[in-house]
Amino acid sequence: MSEYSERDVQREVTDLEGKSATAARLFDIRRIIGGLFVIYGVIVMIAGFTASDAAIEKAEGVNINLWTGLGMLLLGLFFLAWLKLRPTVPPPVDAPSEDGRTDERPSG
């Protein structure tokens, strides 16, 4: 049976906290939504640039693909900027007390 030193345990906890923070940033819903809106916005804008006169007349003279694509692109960029300006911070881990239990405080 191997004994773990306090340093080994602390190193392992630090590694796991780092992995948890990385996973929280990677799977942030703002990244997914923003990325999809940017991609779809670019695709719809390209469709708007290549729209025929008949398609524009069908939409009562408005190039709806161009404007919708621009709106989607701006919304996607908003989500990505929001992610950059306010990154996800994982909740702090309660430090164990001297008897080995975590300090659990009632919420509210």
N, C-alpha and C. Protein backbone atom coordinates (compact mmCIF):
# COMPACT_ATOMS: atom_id res chain seq x y z
N MET A 1 0.84 -1.16 0.00
CA MET A 1 0.00 0.00 0.00
C MET A 1 0.90 1.24 0.00
N SER A 2 0.61 2.17 -0.91
CA SER A 2 1.46 3.35 -1.00
C SER A 2 0.82 4.50 -0.23
N GLU A 3 1.66 5.29 0.35
CA GLU A 3 1.21 6.46 1.11
C GLU A 3 1.39 7.70 0.23
N TYR A 4 0.42 8.57 0.23
CA TYR A 4 0.50 9.81 -0.52
C TYR A 4 0.87 10.93 0.44
N SER A 5 1.80 11.74 0.02
CA SER A 5 2.18 12.89 0.85
C SER A 5 1.18 14.01 0.62
N GLU A 6 1.19 14.98 1.49
CA GLU A 6 0.31 16.13 1.36
C GLU A 6 0.58 16.88 0.06
N ARG A 7 1.85 16.93 -0.32
CA ARG A 7 2.23 17.59 -1.56
C ARG A 7 1.63 16.87 -2.77
N ASP A 8 1.65 15.53 -2.79
CA ASP A 8 1.07 14.77 -3.90
C ASP A 8 -0.44 15.01 -4.01
N VAL A 9 -1.10 15.02 -2.88
CA VAL A 9 -2.55 15.24 -2.88
C VAL A 9 -2.86 16.65 -3.36
N GLN A 10 -2.11 17.63 -2.89
CA GLN A 10 -2.34 19.01 -3.29
C GLN A 10 -2.08 19.19 -4.78
N ARG A 11 -1.05 18.56 -5.31
CA ARG A 11 -0.74 18.63 -6.74
C ARG A 11 -1.88 18.02 -7.56
N GLU A 12 -2.41 16.90 -7.12
CA GLU A 12 -3.52 16.24 -7.82
C GLU A 12 -4.77 17.11 -7.80
N VAL A 13 -5.05 17.73 -6.66
CA VAL A 13 -6.22 18.61 -6.55
C VAL A 13 -6.05 19.81 -7.48
N THR A 14 -4.87 20.38 -7.53
CA THR A 14 -4.61 21.52 -8.41
C THR A 14 -4.78 21.13 -9.87
N ASP A 15 -4.30 19.95 -10.25
CA ASP A 15 -4.48 19.48 -11.63
C ASP A 15 -5.95 19.31 -11.97
N LEU A 16 -6.72 18.72 -11.07
CA LEU A 16 -8.14 18.50 -11.32
C LEU A 16 -8.90 19.83 -11.39
N GLU A 17 -8.54 20.79 -10.56
CA GLU A 17 -9.18 22.11 -10.63
C GLU A 17 -8.88 22.78 -11.96
N GLY A 18 -7.65 22.64 -12.45
CA GLY A 18 -7.29 23.22 -13.74
C GLY A 18 -8.06 22.58 -14.88
N LYS A 19 -8.23 21.26 -14.83
CA LYS A 19 -9.00 20.56 -15.86
C LYS A 19 -10.47 20.96 -15.79
N SER A 20 -11.00 21.14 -14.60
CA SER A 20 -12.39 21.56 -14.44
C SER A 20 -12.61 22.95 -15.02
N ALA A 21 -11.69 23.85 -14.77
CA ALA A 21 -11.81 25.22 -15.31
C ALA A 21 -11.73 25.20 -16.82
N THR A 22 -10.85 24.38 -17.38
CA THR A 22 -10.73 24.27 -18.83
C THR A 22 -12.00 23.73 -19.44
N ALA A 23 -12.58 22.70 -18.82
CA ALA A 23 -13.83 22.12 -19.32
C ALA A 23 -14.97 23.12 -19.24
N ALA A 24 -15.01 23.91 -18.18
CA ALA A 24 -16.07 24.91 -18.03
C ALA A 24 -15.97 25.97 -19.13
N ARG A 25 -14.77 26.38 -19.46
CA ARG A 25 -14.60 27.36 -20.53
C ARG A 25 -14.90 26.76 -21.89
N LEU A 26 -14.50 25.51 -22.11
CA LEU A 26 -14.67 24.87 -23.40
C LEU A 26 -16.13 24.65 -23.74
N PHE A 27 -16.92 24.26 -22.76
CA PHE A 27 -18.31 23.92 -23.02
C PHE A 27 -19.27 25.03 -22.60
N ASP A 28 -18.80 26.26 -22.56
CA ASP A 28 -19.67 27.38 -22.25
C ASP A 28 -20.67 27.53 -23.40
N ILE A 29 -21.93 27.64 -23.07
CA ILE A 29 -22.99 27.69 -24.08
C ILE A 29 -22.87 28.94 -24.96
N ARG A 30 -22.27 30.00 -24.43
CA ARG A 30 -22.10 31.21 -25.24
C ARG A 30 -21.16 30.96 -26.41
N ARG A 31 -20.16 30.10 -26.22
CA ARG A 31 -19.22 29.77 -27.30
C ARG A 31 -19.94 29.00 -28.40
N ILE A 32 -20.78 28.06 -28.01
CA ILE A 32 -21.49 27.23 -28.99
C ILE A 32 -22.50 28.07 -29.76
N ILE A 33 -23.33 28.83 -29.04
CA ILE A 33 -24.34 29.66 -29.70
C ILE A 33 -23.68 30.72 -30.59
N GLY A 34 -22.68 31.39 -30.06
CA GLY A 34 -22.00 32.43 -30.84
C GLY A 34 -21.35 31.88 -32.10
N GLY A 35 -20.69 30.74 -31.96
CA GLY A 35 -20.04 30.13 -33.13
C GLY A 35 -21.03 29.72 -34.20
N LEU A 36 -22.14 29.11 -33.77
CA LEU A 36 -23.14 28.69 -34.75
C LEU A 36 -23.79 29.90 -35.44
N PHE A 37 -24.10 30.94 -34.69
CA PHE A 37 -24.70 32.12 -35.32
C PHE A 37 -23.73 32.80 -36.28
N VAL A 38 -22.46 32.83 -35.96
CA VAL A 38 -21.48 33.42 -36.88
C VAL A 38 -21.41 32.60 -38.17
N ILE A 39 -21.33 31.29 -38.04
CA ILE A 39 -21.24 30.42 -39.23
C ILE A 39 -22.49 30.55 -40.09
N TYR A 40 -23.66 30.42 -39.46
CA TYR A 40 -24.91 30.50 -40.22
C TYR A 40 -25.11 31.91 -40.78
N GLY A 41 -24.70 32.93 -40.05
CA GLY A 41 -24.83 34.29 -40.55
C GLY A 41 -24.01 34.51 -41.80
N VAL A 42 -22.80 34.00 -41.82
CA VAL A 42 -21.95 34.13 -43.02
C VAL A 42 -22.57 33.39 -44.19
N ILE A 43 -23.10 32.19 -43.95
CA ILE A 43 -23.73 31.41 -45.03
C ILE A 43 -24.94 32.15 -45.59
N VAL A 44 -25.79 32.68 -44.71
CA VAL A 44 -26.99 33.38 -45.17
C VAL A 44 -26.63 34.68 -45.87
N MET A 45 -25.58 35.37 -45.39
CA MET A 45 -25.14 36.59 -46.06
C MET A 45 -24.64 36.29 -47.48
N ILE A 46 -23.93 35.19 -47.64
CA ILE A 46 -23.46 34.80 -48.99
C ILE A 46 -24.67 34.55 -49.89
N ALA A 47 -25.71 33.90 -49.33
CA ALA A 47 -26.93 33.69 -50.11
C ALA A 47 -27.56 35.04 -50.47
N GLY A 48 -27.45 36.01 -49.58
CA GLY A 48 -27.99 37.34 -49.87
C GLY A 48 -27.22 38.07 -50.95
N PHE A 49 -25.90 37.90 -50.97
CA PHE A 49 -25.09 38.54 -52.00
C PHE A 49 -25.35 37.94 -53.38
N THR A 50 -25.71 36.68 -53.41
CA THR A 50 -25.93 36.01 -54.69
C THR A 50 -27.41 35.90 -55.03
N ALA A 51 -28.27 36.64 -54.35
CA ALA A 51 -29.72 36.55 -54.60
C ALA A 51 -30.07 37.13 -55.96
N SER A 52 -31.03 36.49 -56.59
CA SER A 52 -31.48 36.97 -57.90
C SER A 52 -32.49 38.10 -57.72
N ASP A 53 -32.73 38.82 -58.80
CA ASP A 53 -33.72 39.90 -58.75
C ASP A 53 -35.11 39.35 -58.46
N ALA A 54 -35.40 38.16 -58.97
CA ALA A 54 -36.71 37.55 -58.74
C ALA A 54 -36.91 37.23 -57.25
N ALA A 55 -35.86 36.76 -56.59
CA ALA A 55 -35.96 36.44 -55.16
C ALA A 55 -36.14 37.71 -54.33
N ILE A 56 -35.49 38.79 -54.74
CA ILE A 56 -35.63 40.06 -54.02
C ILE A 56 -37.04 40.63 -54.23
N GLU A 57 -37.55 40.54 -55.45
CA GLU A 57 -38.91 41.02 -55.71
C GLU A 57 -39.94 40.18 -54.96
N LYS A 58 -39.67 38.90 -54.79
CA LYS A 58 -40.57 38.01 -54.05
C LYS A 58 -40.68 38.46 -52.59
N ALA A 59 -39.62 39.06 -52.06
CA ALA A 59 -39.61 39.55 -50.68
C ALA A 59 -39.93 41.05 -50.64
N GLU A 60 -40.68 41.52 -51.62
CA GLU A 60 -41.13 42.91 -51.71
C GLU A 60 -39.97 43.90 -51.73
N GLY A 61 -38.93 43.56 -52.45
CA GLY A 61 -37.81 44.47 -52.68
C GLY A 61 -36.76 44.49 -51.59
N VAL A 62 -36.89 43.62 -50.59
CA VAL A 62 -35.92 43.58 -49.49
C VAL A 62 -35.05 42.34 -49.66
N ASN A 63 -33.75 42.53 -49.60
CA ASN A 63 -32.84 41.38 -49.66
C ASN A 63 -32.81 40.74 -48.27
N ILE A 64 -33.80 39.92 -48.00
CA ILE A 64 -34.01 39.38 -46.66
C ILE A 64 -32.85 38.50 -46.21
N ASN A 65 -32.23 37.77 -47.12
CA ASN A 65 -31.10 36.92 -46.74
C ASN A 65 -29.90 37.75 -46.27
N LEU A 66 -29.68 38.85 -46.95
CA LEU A 66 -28.56 39.72 -46.57
C LEU A 66 -28.79 40.31 -45.18
N TRP A 67 -29.97 40.84 -44.92
CA TRP A 67 -30.25 41.46 -43.63
C TRP A 67 -30.33 40.43 -42.49
N THR A 68 -30.92 39.28 -42.77
CA THR A 68 -30.99 38.23 -41.75
C THR A 68 -29.59 37.70 -41.43
N GLY A 69 -28.79 37.50 -42.46
CA GLY A 69 -27.42 37.03 -42.25
C GLY A 69 -26.59 38.03 -41.46
N LEU A 70 -26.78 39.32 -41.75
CA LEU A 70 -26.07 40.35 -41.00
C LEU A 70 -26.49 40.35 -39.53
N GLY A 71 -27.79 40.21 -39.30
CA GLY A 71 -28.28 40.14 -37.92
C GLY A 71 -27.74 38.92 -37.17
N MET A 72 -27.72 37.78 -37.84
CA MET A 72 -27.19 36.56 -37.22
C MET A 72 -25.70 36.71 -36.93
N LEU A 73 -24.97 37.30 -37.86
CA LEU A 73 -23.54 37.51 -37.66
C LEU A 73 -23.28 38.42 -36.47
N LEU A 74 -24.04 39.52 -36.37
CA LEU A 74 -23.86 40.44 -35.24
C LEU A 74 -24.23 39.78 -33.91
N LEU A 75 -25.29 38.98 -33.90
CA LEU A 75 -25.67 38.29 -32.67
C LEU A 75 -24.59 37.29 -32.26
N GLY A 76 -24.05 36.56 -33.22
CA GLY A 76 -22.97 35.63 -32.90
C GLY A 76 -21.73 36.33 -32.38
N LEU A 77 -21.39 37.46 -32.98
CA LEU A 77 -20.24 38.22 -32.50
C LEU A 77 -20.49 38.79 -31.10
N PHE A 78 -21.75 39.16 -30.81
CA PHE A 78 -22.10 39.62 -29.48
C PHE A 78 -21.85 38.53 -28.44
N PHE A 79 -22.30 37.30 -28.73
CA PHE A 79 -22.09 36.19 -27.79
C PHE A 79 -20.61 35.92 -27.59
N LEU A 80 -19.82 35.95 -28.65
CA LEU A 80 -18.39 35.69 -28.52
C LEU A 80 -17.68 36.82 -27.77
N ALA A 81 -18.11 38.06 -27.99
CA ALA A 81 -17.52 39.18 -27.24
C ALA A 81 -17.89 39.09 -25.77
N TRP A 82 -19.13 38.69 -25.49
CA TRP A 82 -19.57 38.51 -24.11
C TRP A 82 -18.73 37.44 -23.42
N LEU A 83 -18.45 36.37 -24.13
CA LEU A 83 -17.62 35.30 -23.59
C LEU A 83 -16.21 35.80 -23.30
N LYS A 84 -15.69 36.63 -24.18
CA LYS A 84 -14.32 37.15 -24.02
C LYS A 84 -14.24 38.15 -22.86
N LEU A 85 -15.26 39.00 -22.74
CA LEU A 85 -15.24 40.04 -21.72
C LEU A 85 -15.59 39.51 -20.33
N ARG A 86 -16.45 38.50 -20.24
CA ARG A 86 -16.86 37.93 -18.96
C ARG A 86 -16.69 36.42 -18.99
N PRO A 87 -15.45 35.92 -18.89
CA PRO A 87 -15.22 34.47 -18.97
C PRO A 87 -15.83 33.73 -17.78
N THR A 88 -16.09 32.46 -17.99
CA THR A 88 -16.66 31.62 -16.96
C THR A 88 -15.62 31.35 -15.88
N VAL A 89 -16.01 31.55 -14.64
CA VAL A 89 -15.14 31.28 -13.51
C VAL A 89 -15.77 30.14 -12.72
N PRO A 90 -15.05 29.02 -12.56
CA PRO A 90 -15.64 27.92 -11.81
C PRO A 90 -15.84 28.31 -10.34
N PRO A 91 -16.86 27.74 -9.70
CA PRO A 91 -17.09 28.09 -8.30
C PRO A 91 -15.92 27.66 -7.43
N PRO A 92 -15.63 28.44 -6.37
CA PRO A 92 -14.50 28.08 -5.50
C PRO A 92 -14.79 26.79 -4.75
N VAL A 93 -13.74 26.00 -4.56
CA VAL A 93 -13.85 24.76 -3.84
C VAL A 93 -13.65 25.07 -2.36
N ASP A 94 -14.56 24.57 -1.51
CA ASP A 94 -14.43 24.79 -0.07
C ASP A 94 -13.22 24.03 0.44
N ALA A 95 -12.41 24.70 1.21
CA ALA A 95 -11.22 24.06 1.78
C ALA A 95 -11.64 23.19 2.96
N PRO A 96 -11.02 22.00 3.09
CA PRO A 96 -11.37 21.15 4.22
C PRO A 96 -10.89 21.76 5.54
N SER A 97 -11.69 21.56 6.57
CA SER A 97 -11.30 22.06 7.88
C SER A 97 -10.29 21.11 8.51
N GLU A 98 -9.89 21.39 9.73
CA GLU A 98 -8.87 20.58 10.37
C GLU A 98 -9.30 19.14 10.59
N ASP A 99 -10.61 18.90 10.74
CA ASP A 99 -11.07 17.53 10.95
C ASP A 99 -11.31 16.79 9.63
N GLY A 100 -11.02 17.45 8.48
CA GLY A 100 -11.10 16.79 7.18
C GLY A 100 -12.42 17.01 6.47
N ARG A 101 -13.40 17.64 7.10
CA ARG A 101 -14.68 17.88 6.45
C ARG A 101 -14.67 19.25 5.79
N THR A 102 -15.45 19.38 4.74
CA THR A 102 -15.54 20.68 4.07
C THR A 102 -16.48 21.57 4.86
N ASP A 103 -16.25 22.85 4.77
CA ASP A 103 -17.07 23.83 5.46
C ASP A 103 -18.34 24.06 4.64
N GLU A 104 -19.45 23.48 5.06
CA GLU A 104 -20.69 23.64 4.34
C GLU A 104 -21.55 24.67 5.03
N ARG A 105 -21.83 25.74 4.30
CA ARG A 105 -22.63 26.81 4.85
C ARG A 105 -24.01 26.74 4.24
N PRO A 106 -25.04 26.99 5.01
CA PRO A 106 -26.38 26.96 4.44
C PRO A 106 -26.55 28.10 3.47
N SER A 107 -27.23 27.83 2.36
CA SER A 107 -27.45 28.88 1.37
C SER A 107 -28.72 29.64 1.72
N GLY A 108 -28.72 30.91 1.36
CA GLY A 108 -29.94 31.68 1.56
C GLY A 108 -29.82 32.80 2.46
